[in-house]
Amino acid sequence: MILAVVTMDPCTVTGGAPIFIGRDEKECANMARTLSRIMDAMAHCLDNNTYIIVSH
């Protein structure tokens, strides 16, 4: 189940999960890591600019 998406380019992401927008790659990575800890989930990098937070 996808809990959230972190990206630099919101135009490439659609769907029902919350979308968090970062200014650069470092901010996206930090945001994904923090959200995964808060949600007790895993962060997976799809490309340099997009992460998904998933519950297994």
C-alpha atoms as a PDB file:
ATOM      1  CA  MET A   1       0.000   0.000   0.000  1.00  0.00           C
ATOM      2  CA  ILE A   2       1.435   3.396  -1.000  1.00  0.00           C
ATOM      3  CA  LEU A   3       1.120   5.813   1.908  1.00  0.00           C
ATOM      4  CA  ALA A   4       2.807   8.876   0.373  1.00  0.00           C
ATOM      5  CA  VAL A   5       4.908  10.128  -2.526  1.00  0.00           C
ATOM      6  CA  VAL A   6       7.855  12.534  -2.290  1.00  0.00           C
ATOM      7  CA  THR A   7       8.945  14.226  -5.503  1.00  0.00           C
ATOM      8  CA  MET A   8      10.524  17.315  -7.030  1.00  0.00           C
ATOM      9  CA  ASP A   9       8.145  17.261 -10.007  1.00  0.00           C
ATOM     10  CA  PRO A  10       4.467  16.965  -8.981  1.00  0.00           C
ATOM     11  CA  CYS A  11       3.375  16.870 -12.646  1.00  0.00           C
ATOM     12  CA  THR A  12       4.742  13.309 -12.945  1.00  0.00           C
ATOM     13  CA  VAL A  13       2.702  11.935 -10.026  1.00  0.00           C
ATOM     14  CA  THR A  14      -1.036  11.240  -9.832  1.00  0.00           C
ATOM     15  CA  GLY A  15      -3.172   9.182  -7.523  1.00  0.00           C
ATOM     16  CA  GLY A  16      -4.789   9.102  -4.121  1.00  0.00           C
ATOM     17  CA  ALA A  17      -1.696   9.174  -1.909  1.00  0.00           C
ATOM     18  CA  PRO A  18      -0.505  12.448  -0.373  1.00  0.00           C
ATOM     19  CA  ILE A  19       2.223  14.103  -2.464  1.00  0.00           C
ATOM     20  CA  PHE A  20       5.077  15.952  -0.754  1.00  0.00           C
ATOM     21  CA  ILE A  21       7.192  18.266  -2.897  1.00  0.00           C
ATOM     22  CA  GLY A  22      10.884  18.839  -2.226  1.00  0.00           C
ATOM     23  CA  ARG A  23      13.091  21.593  -3.641  1.00  0.00           C
ATOM     24  CA  ASP A  24      16.073  19.356  -4.419  1.00  0.00           C
ATOM     25  CA  GLU A  25      17.236  15.724  -4.266  1.00  0.00           C
ATOM     26  CA  LYS A  26      18.654  16.062  -0.761  1.00  0.00           C
ATOM     27  CA  GLU A  27      15.421  17.508   0.616  1.00  0.00           C
ATOM     28  CA  CYS A  28      13.384  14.752  -1.063  1.00  0.00           C
ATOM     29  CA  ALA A  29      15.609  12.047   0.419  1.00  0.00           C
ATOM     30  CA  ASN A  30      15.425  13.567   3.906  1.00  0.00           C
ATOM     31  CA  MET A  31      11.653  14.000   3.672  1.00  0.00           C
ATOM     32  CA  ALA A  32      11.178  10.406   2.500  1.00  0.00           C
ATOM     33  CA  ARG A  33      13.356   9.067   5.309  1.00  0.00           C
ATOM     34  CA  THR A  34      11.519  11.121   7.935  1.00  0.00           C
ATOM     35  CA  LEU A  35       8.062  10.165   6.644  1.00  0.00           C
ATOM     36  CA  SER A  36       8.991   6.486   6.572  1.00  0.00           C
ATOM     37  CA  ARG A  37      10.065   6.647  10.211  1.00  0.00           C
ATOM     38  CA  ILE A  38       6.928   8.505  11.269  1.00  0.00           C
ATOM     39  CA  MET A  39       4.638   6.093   9.395  1.00  0.00           C
ATOM     40  CA  ASP A  40       6.633   2.973  10.380  1.00  0.00           C
ATOM     41  CA  ALA A  41       6.983   2.196   6.664  1.00  0.00           C
ATOM     42  CA  MET A  42       9.661   1.842   3.977  1.00  0.00           C
ATOM     43  CA  ALA A  43      10.898   4.486   1.526  1.00  0.00           C
ATOM     44  CA  HIS A  44      11.751   3.318  -1.989  1.00  0.00           C
ATOM     45  CA  CYS A  45      13.488   5.490  -4.586  1.00  0.00           C
ATOM     46  CA  LEU A  46      11.874   5.199  -8.022  1.00  0.00           C
ATOM     47  CA  ASP A  47      14.304   7.647  -9.643  1.00  0.00           C
ATOM     48  CA  ASN A  48      16.467  10.550  -8.499  1.00  0.00           C
ATOM     49  CA  ASN A  49      13.450  12.771  -7.933  1.00  0.00           C
ATOM     50  CA  THR A  50      10.678  10.447  -6.713  1.00  0.00           C
ATOM     51  CA  TYR A  51      10.271   8.300  -3.604  1.00  0.00           C
ATOM     52  CA  ILE A  52       7.292   6.243  -2.491  1.00  0.00           C
ATOM     53  CA  ILE A  53       6.527   5.465   1.130  1.00  0.00           C
ATOM     54  CA  VAL A  54       4.971   2.002   1.393  1.00  0.00           C
ATOM     55  CA  SER A  55       3.555  -0.210   4.091  1.00  0.00           C
ATOM     56  CA  HIS A  56       4.415  -3.916   3.594  1.00  0.00           C
END
